[in-house]
Each structure stands twice: as C-alpha cells, then as structure tokens.
Protein backbone atom coordinates (compact mmCIF):
# COMPACT_ATOMS: atom_id res chain seq x y z
CA MET A 1 -9.13 -11.10 0.44
CA VAL A 2 -5.89 -11.50 2.01
CA ARG A 3 -5.95 -10.04 5.38
CA PRO A 4 -2.56 -8.46 6.93
CA CYS A 5 -0.95 -9.95 9.25
CA TRP A 6 -0.33 -6.67 11.38
CA ASN A 7 -2.42 -4.11 13.69
CA ALA A 8 -2.92 -1.17 11.35
CA GLN A 9 -4.36 0.84 14.05
CA ARG A 10 -1.13 0.95 15.79
CA LEU A 11 1.62 1.11 13.40
CA SER A 12 1.89 4.03 11.02
CA PHE A 13 1.28 3.66 7.36
CA LYS A 14 5.01 4.18 6.55
CA ILE A 15 5.98 1.20 8.97
CA LEU A 16 3.37 -1.09 7.60
CA ILE A 17 4.84 -0.45 4.18
CA LEU A 18 8.33 -1.15 5.54
CA SER A 19 7.23 -4.22 7.17
CA VAL A 20 5.92 -5.44 3.96
CA LEU A 21 8.79 -4.85 2.10
CA VAL A 22 11.00 -6.80 4.05
CA ALA A 23 8.51 -9.75 5.35
CA VAL A 24 6.78 -10.73 1.89
CA PRO A 25 8.78 -13.65 0.44
CA MET A 26 9.10 -13.95 -3.15
CA VAL A 27 6.07 -16.27 -4.80
CA THR A 28 7.50 -16.46 -8.21
CA SER A 29 10.36 -18.77 -7.51
CA GLN A 30 8.45 -21.04 -5.14
CA SER A 31 6.40 -22.96 -7.52
CA PRO A 32 7.80 -22.42 -10.92
CA ALA A 33 6.43 -26.03 -11.60
CA LEU A 34 3.22 -25.04 -11.80
CA ALA A 35 3.14 -23.43 -15.30
CA ASN A 36 4.97 -25.89 -16.74
CA ASP A 37 1.85 -27.40 -18.81
CA LEU A 38 0.62 -23.95 -19.86
CA THR A 39 1.83 -22.04 -23.03
CA TRP A 40 0.53 -18.96 -24.66
CA LYS A 41 1.63 -20.19 -28.26
CA GLY A 42 -0.12 -18.41 -30.63
CA LYS A 43 -1.92 -15.88 -28.87
CA ASN A 44 -1.76 -12.10 -28.27
CA VAL A 45 -0.89 -11.04 -24.66
CA THR A 46 -2.54 -7.45 -24.38
CA VAL A 47 -0.98 -4.54 -22.05
CA THR A 48 -3.71 -2.56 -21.30
CA ILE A 49 -2.36 0.99 -20.69
CA GLY A 50 -4.42 3.20 -18.45
CA PHE A 51 -3.44 6.47 -19.84
CA ALA A 52 -2.51 8.25 -23.55
CA THR A 53 0.11 8.02 -25.74
CA GLY A 54 3.45 9.66 -24.97
CA GLY A 55 3.67 9.83 -20.85
CA ASN A 56 5.86 7.49 -18.66
CA TYR A 57 3.22 5.00 -18.44
CA ASP A 58 2.78 4.64 -22.04
CA TYR A 59 6.52 4.13 -21.88
CA VAL A 60 6.76 1.59 -19.52
CA GLY A 61 3.77 -0.40 -21.01
CA ARG A 62 5.42 -0.87 -24.05
CA LEU A 63 8.53 -1.70 -22.92
CA THR A 64 6.66 -4.54 -20.83
CA SER A 65 4.59 -5.42 -24.00
CA ARG A 66 7.64 -6.07 -26.12
CA HIS A 67 9.96 -7.87 -23.28
CA LEU A 68 7.18 -9.82 -20.99
CA VAL A 69 5.94 -12.44 -23.71
CA LYS A 70 9.66 -13.36 -24.80
CA HIS A 71 9.43 -15.12 -21.52
CA LEU A 72 6.39 -16.90 -21.13
CA PRO A 73 5.61 -20.47 -22.55
CA GLY A 74 5.02 -20.43 -26.46
CA LYS A 75 6.56 -17.02 -26.61
CA PRO A 76 3.11 -15.48 -27.66
CA ASN A 77 2.60 -11.91 -29.16
CA GLY A 78 3.04 -8.53 -26.89
CA VAL A 79 0.31 -6.07 -28.06
CA ALA A 80 -0.09 -2.54 -26.51
CA VAL A 81 -3.58 -0.52 -26.19
CA ASN A 82 -3.95 2.39 -24.64
CA MET A 83 -7.25 2.95 -22.57
CA PRO A 84 -7.41 6.60 -21.06
CA GLY A 85 -10.06 7.58 -18.45
CA ALA A 86 -10.51 9.09 -14.73
CA GLY A 87 -6.61 8.81 -14.35
CA SER A 88 -6.84 5.37 -15.27
CA ILE A 89 -10.10 4.18 -13.62
CA ARG A 90 -11.40 3.47 -16.46
CA ALA A 91 -8.74 0.90 -17.65
CA ALA A 92 -8.26 -0.33 -14.00
CA ASN A 93 -12.35 -1.13 -14.22
CA TYR A 94 -11.72 -3.30 -16.99
CA ILE A 95 -9.06 -5.28 -16.20
CA PHE A 96 -10.98 -6.38 -13.03
CA ASN A 97 -14.59 -6.89 -14.43
CA SER A 98 -14.12 -7.69 -18.23
CA ALA A 99 -10.67 -8.48 -19.29
CA PRO A 100 -9.84 -12.02 -20.44
CA LYS A 101 -8.63 -14.02 -17.40
CA ASP A 102 -6.60 -16.61 -18.97
CA GLY A 103 -2.93 -15.07 -18.72
CA THR A 104 -3.76 -12.97 -21.97
CA ALA A 105 -4.69 -9.86 -20.11
CA VAL A 106 -2.41 -7.43 -18.09
CA GLY A 107 -2.14 -3.61 -17.15
CA ILE A 108 -0.58 -0.52 -15.84
CA MET A 109 -2.64 1.53 -14.40
CA SER A 110 -2.18 4.85 -11.65
CA SER A 111 -0.03 4.13 -8.90
CA SER A 112 -2.98 5.86 -6.76
CA ILE A 113 -5.45 3.15 -7.37
CA ALA A 114 -5.19 1.53 -4.06
CA LEU A 115 -5.16 4.98 -2.74
CA GLU A 116 -8.38 5.91 -4.60
CA GLU A 117 -10.29 2.84 -3.46
CA ALA A 118 -9.35 3.33 0.15
CA LEU A 119 -10.68 7.19 -0.11
CA GLY A 120 -13.94 5.92 -1.79
CA THR A 121 -13.37 7.46 -5.20
CA PRO A 122 -16.97 7.03 -6.81
CA ASN A 123 -16.89 4.72 -10.21
CA ILE A 124 -14.33 2.26 -8.85
CA GLN A 125 -15.44 -1.26 -9.48
CA TYR A 126 -12.47 -3.21 -8.07
CA LYS A 127 -10.61 -4.32 -5.38
CA SER A 128 -7.28 -3.48 -5.48
CA ALA A 129 -6.10 -6.44 -3.01
CA GLU A 130 -7.48 -9.00 -5.68
CA PHE A 131 -5.76 -7.90 -8.76
CA GLY A 132 -3.09 -10.18 -9.80
CA TRP A 133 -0.30 -7.89 -9.19
CA ILE A 134 2.86 -9.10 -11.25
CA GLY A 135 5.42 -6.97 -10.70
CA ARG A 136 6.63 -3.37 -10.47
CA VAL A 137 9.18 -2.02 -12.81
CA SER A 138 10.23 1.06 -10.82
CA MET A 139 9.31 3.52 -8.40
CA ILE A 140 8.52 7.04 -9.87
CA LEU A 141 9.48 10.26 -8.71
CA GLN A 142 6.90 12.42 -9.36
CA VAL A 143 7.14 16.34 -8.72
CA LEU A 144 4.96 19.50 -8.97
CA ALA A 145 6.97 21.52 -10.79
CA THR A 146 6.31 25.06 -12.56
CA LEU A 147 7.83 26.29 -15.89
CA ASP A 148 8.63 29.64 -16.69
CA PRO A 149 7.33 32.07 -17.31
CA ALA A 150 4.91 31.12 -13.95
CA LYS A 151 5.48 33.22 -11.03
CA ALA A 152 5.30 30.89 -8.54
CA LYS A 153 9.22 29.54 -8.30
CA ASN A 154 8.88 27.58 -5.06
CA ILE A 155 5.99 26.09 -2.51
CA GLU A 156 5.91 28.92 -0.40
CA ASP A 157 5.13 31.19 -3.73
CA VAL A 158 1.95 29.01 -3.81
CA ARG A 159 0.85 29.75 -0.83
CA GLU A 160 0.36 33.46 -2.26
CA ILE A 161 -0.01 32.80 -5.63
CA GLU A 162 -2.90 31.30 -7.61
CA THR A 163 -0.88 28.58 -9.61
CA THR A 164 -2.83 26.71 -12.55
CA MET A 165 -1.64 22.92 -12.81
CA GLY A 166 -2.55 20.57 -15.62
CA SER A 167 -4.65 17.27 -14.46
CA THR A 168 -5.10 13.81 -16.08
CA GLY A 169 -8.45 13.78 -14.06
CA ALA A 170 -10.23 13.12 -10.83
CA GLY A 171 -8.67 9.91 -9.24
CA SER A 172 -5.12 10.57 -10.54
CA PRO A 173 -2.21 11.82 -8.26
CA SER A 174 -1.89 15.12 -10.88
CA ASP A 175 -5.46 15.85 -8.84
CA GLY A 176 -5.01 14.23 -5.42
CA TYR A 177 -1.71 16.19 -4.87
CA PRO A 178 -2.47 19.63 -5.68
CA ARG A 179 -5.77 19.23 -3.85
CA LEU A 180 -4.48 17.55 -0.64
CA LEU A 181 -1.52 20.86 -0.57
CA ASN A 182 -4.43 23.19 -0.94
CA GLY A 183 -6.60 21.70 2.18
CA LEU A 184 -3.41 21.03 4.31
CA ILE A 185 -0.72 23.64 3.94
CA GLY A 186 -3.10 26.73 2.27
CA THR A 187 -1.32 26.24 -1.21
CA LYS A 188 -3.62 27.92 -4.22
CA PHE A 189 -3.20 25.52 -6.98
CA LYS A 190 -6.00 25.67 -9.60
CA ILE A 191 -6.28 22.36 -11.04
CA ILE A 192 -7.22 21.99 -14.80
CA HIS A 193 -8.52 18.66 -16.07
CA GLY A 194 -9.17 17.51 -19.50
CA TYR A 195 -5.09 16.19 -20.21
CA SER A 196 -4.56 12.77 -21.71
CA SER A 197 -1.31 12.04 -20.12
CA SER A 198 1.98 13.58 -18.50
CA ALA A 199 3.10 14.36 -21.86
CA ASP A 200 0.26 16.41 -23.00
CA SER A 201 0.04 18.58 -19.63
CA MET A 202 4.06 19.28 -20.28
CA LEU A 203 3.23 20.32 -23.42
CA ALA A 204 0.51 22.62 -21.99
CA MET A 205 3.12 23.91 -19.54
CA GLU A 206 5.71 24.56 -22.61
CA ARG A 207 2.42 26.56 -24.24
CA ALA A 208 1.78 28.66 -20.99
CA GLU A 209 -1.73 26.96 -20.85
CA VAL A 210 -1.06 25.98 -17.38
CA ASP A 211 1.81 27.19 -14.77
CA GLY A 212 2.83 23.85 -13.87
CA GLY A 213 1.74 19.94 -13.82
CA LEU A 214 2.91 16.36 -12.05
CA PRO A 215 5.63 14.69 -14.44
CA SER A 216 8.16 12.24 -13.24
CA TRP A 217 11.55 13.73 -12.84
CA ASN A 218 12.61 10.89 -15.08
CA THR A 219 10.67 12.03 -17.93
CA VAL A 220 11.82 15.66 -17.78
CA MET A 221 15.55 14.53 -17.52
CA ARG A 222 15.07 12.20 -20.49
CA THR A 223 12.99 14.09 -22.83
CA LYS A 224 13.06 18.08 -21.71
CA PRO A 225 17.00 18.49 -20.41
CA GLY A 226 16.70 21.80 -22.11
CA TRP A 227 14.43 22.92 -19.22
CA ILE A 228 16.84 22.04 -16.44
CA ALA A 229 19.78 23.07 -18.19
CA GLU A 230 18.15 26.49 -18.72
CA LYS A 231 16.61 26.66 -15.37
CA ARG A 232 13.65 27.24 -16.39
CA ILE A 233 11.71 24.45 -14.42
CA HIS A 234 10.96 24.88 -10.74
CA PRO A 235 10.35 21.32 -8.63
CA LEU A 236 8.10 22.44 -5.96
CA VAL A 237 7.76 19.46 -4.14
CA GLN A 238 8.78 15.56 -4.88
CA PHE A 239 6.13 13.08 -3.82
CA VAL A 240 8.50 10.56 -2.16
CA LEU A 241 8.93 9.70 1.77
CA GLN A 242 12.84 10.55 1.46
CA ARG A 243 14.34 13.23 -0.66
CA SER A 244 15.52 12.11 -3.95
CA PRO A 245 19.65 12.85 -4.60
CA ASP A 246 18.37 14.29 -8.14
CA LEU A 247 16.44 16.84 -6.26
CA PRO A 248 18.16 17.25 -2.82
CA ARG A 249 16.66 21.16 -2.13
CA THR A 250 13.16 20.28 -2.95
CA PRO A 251 11.16 19.14 -0.09
CA THR A 252 8.90 15.86 0.43
CA SER A 253 5.39 16.16 0.98
CA VAL A 254 6.13 14.79 4.36
CA GLU A 255 8.09 17.33 5.34
CA LEU A 256 5.69 20.03 4.98
CA GLY A 257 3.07 18.48 7.53
CA LYS A 258 3.33 20.36 10.99
CA THR A 259 1.75 17.47 13.09
CA SER A 260 1.54 13.99 13.40
CA GLU A 261 -1.97 13.80 12.00
CA GLU A 262 -1.02 15.75 9.04
CA ARG A 263 2.14 13.66 8.65
CA ALA A 264 0.28 10.61 8.77
CA VAL A 265 -2.06 12.18 6.15
CA LEU A 266 1.21 12.37 3.69
CA GLU A 267 2.49 9.47 4.37
CA PHE A 268 -0.78 7.60 3.16
CA TYR A 269 -1.08 9.57 0.21
CA THR A 270 2.38 9.53 -0.61
CA SER A 271 2.67 6.00 -0.11
CA GLY A 272 0.61 5.14 -3.40
CA GLU A 273 4.20 6.09 -4.75
CA GLU A 274 5.05 2.22 -3.65
CA PHE A 275 3.19 0.98 -6.58
CA GLY A 276 5.35 2.99 -8.85
CA ARG A 277 4.95 1.42 -12.26
CA SER A 278 3.48 -1.67 -11.79
CA ILE A 279 2.12 -4.41 -14.11
CA LEU A 280 -1.15 -6.18 -12.89
CA ALA A 281 -3.64 -8.79 -14.02
CA PRO A 282 -7.56 -9.87 -13.73
CA PRO A 283 -8.70 -11.58 -10.60
CA GLY A 284 -9.83 -14.98 -10.49
CA MET A 285 -6.71 -16.38 -12.80
CA ALA A 286 -5.83 -19.56 -12.40
CA PRO A 287 -2.66 -19.89 -9.72
CA ALA A 288 -0.56 -21.44 -12.54
CA ALA A 289 -1.09 -18.58 -14.80
CA LEU A 290 -0.38 -15.64 -11.99
CA VAL A 291 2.94 -17.84 -11.07
CA ALA A 292 3.87 -18.06 -15.03
CA LEU A 293 3.33 -14.08 -15.54
CA ARG A 294 5.27 -13.60 -12.39
CA SER A 295 7.95 -15.91 -13.42
CA ALA A 296 8.08 -14.39 -16.46
CA PHE A 297 8.36 -10.96 -15.26
CA ASP A 298 11.04 -11.74 -13.32
CA GLN A 299 13.09 -13.35 -16.41
CA MET A 300 12.43 -10.10 -17.89
CA LEU A 301 13.92 -7.51 -15.17
CA LYS A 302 17.19 -10.11 -15.88
CA ASP A 303 16.67 -9.72 -19.93
CA GLU A 304 20.23 -8.25 -21.72
CA GLU A 305 18.00 -6.57 -24.40
CA PHE A 306 15.50 -5.34 -21.59
CA LEU A 307 18.30 -3.93 -19.75
CA ALA A 308 20.13 -2.18 -22.59
CA GLU A 309 16.60 -0.60 -23.44
CA VAL A 310 16.34 0.96 -20.07
CA LYS A 311 20.23 2.21 -20.01
CA LYS A 312 19.24 3.68 -23.06
CA VAL A 313 16.80 5.77 -22.03
CA LYS A 314 17.57 6.20 -18.75
CA LEU A 315 14.58 5.09 -17.51
CA GLU A 316 14.36 4.84 -13.46
CA PHE A 317 14.49 1.24 -12.60
CA ASN A 318 13.46 0.12 -9.16
CA PRO A 319 11.86 -3.25 -8.98
CA LEU A 320 9.63 -5.34 -6.92
CA GLU A 321 7.99 -8.66 -6.99
CA GLY A 322 4.53 -8.90 -7.27
CA ALA A 323 3.47 -10.84 -4.03
CA LYS A 324 4.84 -7.44 -2.13
CA LEU A 325 2.86 -5.10 -4.16
CA GLN A 326 -0.47 -7.34 -3.37
CA GLN A 327 0.66 -6.94 0.57
CA ILE A 328 1.07 -3.30 -0.02
CA ALA A 329 -2.20 -3.33 -1.66
CA VAL A 330 -3.81 -5.21 1.28
CA ALA A 331 -2.21 -2.41 3.63
CA THR A 332 -3.25 0.40 1.85
CA VAL A 333 -6.97 -0.31 1.41
CA ASN A 334 -6.84 -1.52 5.47
CA ALA A 335 -5.04 2.48 6.44
CA THR A 336 -6.71 3.45 9.44
CA ARG A 337 -10.01 5.19 9.29
CA GLU A 338 -8.96 8.18 11.14
CA THR A 339 -6.42 8.83 8.62
CA ILE A 340 -8.53 7.74 5.48
CA GLU A 341 -11.29 10.37 6.86
CA LYS A 342 -8.80 12.93 7.37
CA THR A 343 -7.63 12.48 4.03
CA ARG A 344 -11.10 12.33 2.65
CA SER A 345 -11.94 15.87 4.06
CA LEU A 346 -8.77 17.69 3.02
CA LEU A 347 -9.46 16.82 -0.62
CA GLY A 348 -13.15 17.65 -0.33
CA ARG A 349 -14.48 14.23 -0.55
CA GLN A 350 -17.23 14.15 2.03
C-alpha cells in the first residue's frame, strides 16, 4: 500500500485533502508510451455501477461507458452493468476481488467507500488505496432534504420533529449522514432502508412514503425543477466543506459542529465527497493498463461529444485525475485514530 508523505496525527483531515490536491502530480501524462502496445480491440469494457438504474451514479457510469472506450487503443465496446447492494459495497467487493484485471473492468461506487473502510464497516472485502483510481468526473453536492408535506423545513426543525429519510442501505451516505447528525447534534432522523437508488428514494419522497432523502442537488435541478420552483423541497444541510453558490442559505455539515472535535469528525466524514463520481479499476493490473485507462479518461474529459452531453443535461463537472484520488484514499484510511473512533461512536458502530 502506498503510504502518505505527511504526519496524519498533526494535520487536520481538511489540510490533508488540500495538501493532496495541490501536491500530487498527474500520472497519466508522464508515461503514455507504456501503453503503446496494448489494445482492447474486439473486447468489451464493462462499467459496474454500484447502484440501481435512474440515479446520478447510474447516469455518470453509463456516460463513461459510452465515451471512455473511444479513447482506448482498439476502440472496444462499452457495457454498463448495475450491481446494487449495501450502498455499493457489493460492487466494490466484486471489482476488488473478482473482476478481470486486464483493463476490461472498471466501476463507479459510492463516494463513501474509503470512509466505510476506515470505519471498519462489516462485509468490506477491499482496500481503497489499492484500487486503480482512474479519475473523477465531478464532486457531487449532496443534501439532506425534505419534501412537502413533511413538517420539518430546516435542520433545527429536525431536532424537534421525527423525520423519515429514505436510504439505499447501511454503508451508504444516505445512512451515514443522518446517523451522524442524530448522534452529534441531536436530530431526530428515522432512516428507512430498502431503496435501490437516489431516484428510488426521490420517488418515495414524492409519494410521501418518507419525508426526505439524500439526493444530489444537481439531480433535483435536472429532474425535479418543479420542486424548486414551487418551493416544495427544503434543503436541510449540504455535505461539502464550503457552501455552494446554489445553496447559500443552507448550512454545511461542518458548520453544525460546535467544538474542534465535532468539526474534525464532520470534516472527516464529509471529505468522502472529494471522491464524488469517480471511476476505479481492480488492484493488480499491469501498470501500462492503468496508465492507458487514465490517459483515455483524461482524453474523454476533453472530448467534444462528451462535453456536449455534460452541458445538455447540466451535469456537475469538476474532474480530478486518478493519481490524486489514490492519495485521497490513502489519507482517508489513515485518518487519526481519535477521529475514526469518535465517528464510529456517533454512528453507533462500537
């Protein structure tokens, strides 16, 4: 495993992430010649999506399956396969342990998979820092939000009113965020499992089966503009380190912490969003294959057809190269013991 080049005990997790984003050089541009003899001609490249159809992960996974392959030697076919389960832990285990290691298998998983490993979530059979991180399409602005006729309209309301939230399962952010806030600031979220995707939980919100959920704000803007125009949706908290210009009046999770310890925990858990919608590959691939995949990904981000589709659907677009994601994974699993144990305690994972 790659080891971090900083003292994790002395720097805050937020500083660790910023250090990675500034300091780690790009890999894909250094050794493209390594991949010259590789070809994917006549093969299929399968993108395994850790959630069901209809949500943001599904869209980005399918978008990648269509465009990544155009920039690989031999121009293979792209195939998207959904493998929902346990907040994408099932799919992450598959990619790590069973997927082909020849460059024909990649995946898109929950942004929290490194966090869940650090927290010791059961049934994890992968090591986040050993995946071949290929690149991030974007960070995603996720919000805990309610929809009328829910009684809670802001985060303070949820301290007084039990509020049901749809979740894609234990190990997913839709389970972790409300649990963390319940334990830390005394909210009364009641988590309802059984939804296969964020789109599924949004449908449950519309049917008033639950009061709210954890959609990406971009998904709400793209697919439910009427919720915003009619002021039916109420963002309670946003999970980024700084407020988004789109939601200037909605507090970030870190702002809700009253002590340095509380803020450290919230920074640690929220920093999973740095992974956003990222593409990864199995460990143990030939270095040349990983270089080729990263190079193809970088070329995809500049592809006019890809960019036209991103613009057409108003997809959030904030890319990051795979080498930096690899280092963020290292930083996450090497967070301080005190922060990890406090987070576990608040989540009820003792």
